[in-house]
Amino acid sequence: MKFEQPYYIPPHAVQRFRERVVNLPTRTIRIIIQSALQGCGQLVGYQVYDRQKCPVYKAQYRDKEYLIPVRIEKRKKSAWAVVPTILAPDMRIYTGRAKRENPDTDAIYPAGGAKNRDSCDADTVEGEGPGQKGP
């Protein structure tokens, strides 16, 4: 299947989709995620990956909603954007605007706090770092 704007969907994102949305074959999951990102997606906020602010889009598979962060490689012009993980809708994401004075006031912290965070290193919430606590 060919997409107008292809995205790289690594095995980690496929596994998180299986855990958080539905257990399907790898090829099917990649097609679902690719399809959800085509056209104008519903931007719900931003997440920080490798010190880069990345958009997070809302998507739905059947009756199950999920969030798709997208990391755009700025150093490589021809590189595909990357979907580093799949987030559950109740997981916290940074939702501030690009030029806000106090981005901490725009963070969403749902019930459950840190236990709702993805376990990979990629999803550090802006304003937090090793040994620091969020607001």
C-alpha atoms as a PDB file:
ATOM      1  CA  MET A   1       0.000   0.000   0.000  1.00  0.00           C
ATOM      2  CA  LYS A   2       1.369   3.429  -0.933  1.00  0.00           C
ATOM      3  CA  PHE A   3       0.737   6.534   1.176  1.00  0.00           C
ATOM      4  CA  GLU A   4       1.106  10.171   0.137  1.00  0.00           C
ATOM      5  CA  GLN A   5       3.012  10.939   3.362  1.00  0.00           C
ATOM      6  CA  PRO A   6       4.691   7.787   4.706  1.00  0.00           C
ATOM      7  CA  TYR A   7       5.758   7.471   8.354  1.00  0.00           C
ATOM      8  CA  TYR A   8       8.272   5.110   9.902  1.00  0.00           C
ATOM      9  CA  ILE A   9       6.530   2.979  12.505  1.00  0.00           C
ATOM     10  CA  PRO A  10       9.121   1.065  14.559  1.00  0.00           C
ATOM     11  CA  PRO A  11       8.470  -2.222  16.378  1.00  0.00           C
ATOM     12  CA  HIS A  12       8.080  -0.353  19.700  1.00  0.00           C
ATOM     13  CA  ALA A  13       5.099   1.627  18.347  1.00  0.00           C
ATOM     14  CA  VAL A  14       3.545  -1.568  16.961  1.00  0.00           C
ATOM     15  CA  GLN A  15       3.890  -3.269  20.361  1.00  0.00           C
ATOM     16  CA  ARG A  16       2.345  -0.285  22.174  1.00  0.00           C
ATOM     17  CA  PHE A  17      -0.563  -0.324  19.690  1.00  0.00           C
ATOM     18  CA  ARG A  18      -1.115  -4.002  20.517  1.00  0.00           C
ATOM     19  CA  GLU A  19      -1.058  -3.266  24.258  1.00  0.00           C
ATOM     20  CA  ARG A  20      -3.154  -0.106  24.205  1.00  0.00           C
ATOM     21  CA  VAL A  21      -5.541  -0.524  21.285  1.00  0.00           C
ATOM     22  CA  VAL A  22      -5.907  -4.030  19.831  1.00  0.00           C
ATOM     23  CA  ASN A  23      -3.745  -7.060  19.088  1.00  0.00           C
ATOM     24  CA  LEU A  24      -3.458  -7.340  15.301  1.00  0.00           C
ATOM     25  CA  PRO A  25      -0.727  -8.435  12.869  1.00  0.00           C
ATOM     26  CA  THR A  26       2.191  -6.011  12.441  1.00  0.00           C
ATOM     27  CA  ARG A  27       1.364  -5.150   8.811  1.00  0.00           C
ATOM     28  CA  THR A  28      -2.261  -4.355   9.700  1.00  0.00           C
ATOM     29  CA  ILE A  29      -1.210  -2.129  12.620  1.00  0.00           C
ATOM     30  CA  ARG A  30       1.206  -0.195  10.419  1.00  0.00           C
ATOM     31  CA  ILE A  31      -1.500   0.352   7.784  1.00  0.00           C
ATOM     32  CA  ILE A  32      -3.976   1.552  10.451  1.00  0.00           C
ATOM     33  CA  ILE A  33      -1.470   4.048  11.864  1.00  0.00           C
ATOM     34  CA  GLN A  34      -0.364   5.232   8.400  1.00  0.00           C
ATOM     35  CA  SER A  35      -3.996   5.730   7.369  1.00  0.00           C
ATOM     36  CA  ALA A  36      -4.813   7.659  10.552  1.00  0.00           C
ATOM     37  CA  LEU A  37      -1.969  10.102   9.850  1.00  0.00           C
ATOM     38  CA  GLN A  38      -2.898  10.857   6.229  1.00  0.00           C
ATOM     39  CA  GLY A  39      -4.619  14.146   5.499  1.00  0.00           C
ATOM     40  CA  CYS A  40      -5.403  16.488   8.345  1.00  0.00           C
ATOM     41  CA  GLY A  41      -5.180  14.732  11.671  1.00  0.00           C
ATOM     42  CA  GLN A  42      -6.654  16.088  14.882  1.00  0.00           C
ATOM     43  CA  LEU A  43      -3.762  17.768  16.721  1.00  0.00           C
ATOM     44  CA  VAL A  44      -4.273  17.443  20.486  1.00  0.00           C
ATOM     45  CA  GLY A  45      -0.950  18.675  21.818  1.00  0.00           C
ATOM     46  CA  TYR A  46       2.784  18.201  21.868  1.00  0.00           C
ATOM     47  CA  GLN A  47       5.179  15.714  23.410  1.00  0.00           C
ATOM     48  CA  VAL A  48       8.941  16.043  23.756  1.00  0.00           C
ATOM     49  CA  TYR A  49      11.129  13.329  22.171  1.00  0.00           C
ATOM     50  CA  ASP A  50      14.902  13.675  22.153  1.00  0.00           C
ATOM     51  CA  ARG A  51      14.552  17.343  23.165  1.00  0.00           C
ATOM     52  CA  GLN A  52      12.340  18.070  20.167  1.00  0.00           C
ATOM     53  CA  LYS A  53       8.727  19.219  20.443  1.00  0.00           C
ATOM     54  CA  CYS A  54       6.588  16.799  18.421  1.00  0.00           C
ATOM     55  CA  PRO A  55       2.900  16.996  17.503  1.00  0.00           C
ATOM     56  CA  VAL A  56       0.501  14.424  18.957  1.00  0.00           C
ATOM     57  CA  TYR A  57      -2.586  13.433  16.954  1.00  0.00           C
ATOM     58  CA  LYS A  58      -5.781  11.780  18.099  1.00  0.00           C
ATOM     59  CA  ALA A  59      -6.894   8.681  16.206  1.00  0.00           C
ATOM     60  CA  GLN A  60      -9.493   5.956  16.587  1.00  0.00           C
ATOM     61  CA  TYR A  61      -9.672   2.298  15.646  1.00  0.00           C
ATOM     62  CA  ARG A  62     -13.246   1.089  15.856  1.00  0.00           C
ATOM     63  CA  ASP A  63     -14.388   2.239  19.339  1.00  0.00           C
ATOM     64  CA  LYS A  64     -10.876   2.653  20.800  1.00  0.00           C
ATOM     65  CA  GLU A  65      -9.177   6.075  20.804  1.00  0.00           C
ATOM     66  CA  TYR A  66      -5.405   6.459  20.937  1.00  0.00           C
ATOM     67  CA  LEU A  67      -2.768   9.155  20.454  1.00  0.00           C
ATOM     68  CA  ILE A  68      -0.001   9.202  17.861  1.00  0.00           C
ATOM     69  CA  PRO A  69       3.085  11.338  18.515  1.00  0.00           C
ATOM     70  CA  VAL A  70       5.118  12.184  15.402  1.00  0.00           C
ATOM     71  CA  ARG A  71       8.805  13.032  15.413  1.00  0.00           C
ATOM     72  CA  ILE A  72      10.015  14.915  12.346  1.00  0.00           C
ATOM     73  CA  GLU A  73      13.716  14.540  11.599  1.00  0.00           C
ATOM     74  CA  LYS A  74      14.853  18.078  10.826  1.00  0.00           C
ATOM     75  CA  ARG A  75      18.475  17.163  10.116  1.00  0.00           C
ATOM     76  CA  LYS A  76      17.574  14.821   7.253  1.00  0.00           C
ATOM     77  CA  LYS A  77      15.456  16.425   4.546  1.00  0.00           C
ATOM     78  CA  SER A  78      14.340  13.183   2.891  1.00  0.00           C
ATOM     79  CA  ALA A  79      13.784  11.165   6.087  1.00  0.00           C
ATOM     80  CA  TRP A  80      10.320   9.917   6.973  1.00  0.00           C
ATOM     81  CA  ALA A  81       8.675  11.267  10.103  1.00  0.00           C
ATOM     82  CA  VAL A  82       8.726   8.707  12.936  1.00  0.00           C
ATOM     83  CA  VAL A  83       5.955   7.428  15.194  1.00  0.00           C
ATOM     84  CA  PRO A  84       8.030   6.631  18.313  1.00  0.00           C
ATOM     85  CA  THR A  85       5.172   5.124  20.346  1.00  0.00           C
ATOM     86  CA  ILE A  86       1.404   4.946  20.727  1.00  0.00           C
ATOM     87  CA  LEU A  87      -0.181   6.620  23.746  1.00  0.00           C
ATOM     88  CA  ALA A  88      -3.455   5.906  25.509  1.00  0.00           C
ATOM     89  CA  PRO A  89      -5.851   8.890  25.651  1.00  0.00           C
ATOM     90  CA  ASP A  90      -5.486   9.137  29.445  1.00  0.00           C
ATOM     91  CA  MET A  91      -1.701   9.516  29.279  1.00  0.00           C
ATOM     92  CA  ARG A  92      -0.349  12.999  29.922  1.00  0.00           C
ATOM     93  CA  ILE A  93       0.963  15.053  27.072  1.00  0.00           C
ATOM     94  CA  TYR A  94       2.345  18.562  26.863  1.00  0.00           C
ATOM     95  CA  THR A  95      -0.312  20.747  25.240  1.00  0.00           C
ATOM     96  CA  GLY A  96       1.295  24.199  25.287  1.00  0.00           C
ATOM     97  CA  ARG A  97       1.572  26.553  22.354  1.00  0.00           C
ATOM     98  CA  ALA A  98       4.957  27.183  20.754  1.00  0.00           C
ATOM     99  CA  LYS A  99       5.494  30.696  22.216  1.00  0.00           C
ATOM    100  CA  ARG A 100       3.823  30.458  25.649  1.00  0.00           C
ATOM    101  CA  GLU A 101       5.434  32.257  28.584  1.00  0.00           C
ATOM    102  CA  ASN A 102       4.688  29.467  31.071  1.00  0.00           C
ATOM    103  CA  PRO A 103       4.323  26.103  29.326  1.00  0.00           C
ATOM    104  CA  ASP A 104       3.852  24.293  32.650  1.00  0.00           C
ATOM    105  CA  THR A 105       0.333  25.713  32.914  1.00  0.00           C
ATOM    106  CA  ASP A 106      -0.590  23.890  29.703  1.00  0.00           C
ATOM    107  CA  ALA A 107       0.410  20.381  30.738  1.00  0.00           C
ATOM    108  CA  ILE A 108      -2.251  17.716  31.182  1.00  0.00           C
ATOM    109  CA  TYR A 109      -1.718  15.381  34.130  1.00  0.00           C
ATOM    110  CA  PRO A 110      -4.497  12.772  34.241  1.00  0.00           C
ATOM    111  CA  ALA A 111      -5.175  10.613  37.265  1.00  0.00           C
ATOM    112  CA  GLY A 112      -2.507   7.978  37.671  1.00  0.00           C
ATOM    113  CA  GLY A 113       0.486  10.268  37.113  1.00  0.00           C
ATOM    114  CA  ALA A 114       3.734   8.574  36.186  1.00  0.00           C
ATOM    115  CA  LYS A 115       2.268   5.081  35.998  1.00  0.00           C
ATOM    116  CA  ASN A 116       0.426   6.178  32.847  1.00  0.00           C
ATOM    117  CA  ARG A 117       3.644   7.100  31.083  1.00  0.00           C
ATOM    118  CA  ASP A 118       5.088   4.970  28.355  1.00  0.00           C
ATOM    119  CA  SER A 119       8.125   3.054  29.612  1.00  0.00           C
ATOM    120  CA  CYS A 120      10.440   3.985  26.737  1.00  0.00           C
ATOM    121  CA  ASP A 121      12.899   6.876  26.996  1.00  0.00           C
ATOM    122  CA  ALA A 122      11.197   8.774  24.191  1.00  0.00           C
ATOM    123  CA  ASP A 123       8.230  10.248  26.029  1.00  0.00           C
ATOM    124  CA  THR A 124       9.720  12.633  28.566  1.00  0.00           C
ATOM    125  CA  VAL A 125       7.208  15.364  29.294  1.00  0.00           C
ATOM    126  CA  GLU A 126       8.608  18.857  28.746  1.00  0.00           C
ATOM    127  CA  GLY A 127       9.699  20.385  32.035  1.00  0.00           C
ATOM    128  CA  GLU A 128      10.724  17.053  33.525  1.00  0.00           C
ATOM    129  CA  GLY A 129      14.079  15.406  33.461  1.00  0.00           C
ATOM    130  CA  PRO A 130      15.996  12.845  35.481  1.00  0.00           C
ATOM    131  CA  GLY A 131      15.615  13.667  39.167  1.00  0.00           C
ATOM    132  CA  GLN A 132      13.024  16.397  38.551  1.00  0.00           C
ATOM    133  CA  LYS A 133       9.331  16.333  39.326  1.00  0.00           C
ATOM    134  CA  GLY A 134       6.582  17.789  37.180  1.00  0.00           C
ATOM    135  CA  PRO A 135       4.170  20.409  38.504  1.00  0.00           C
END
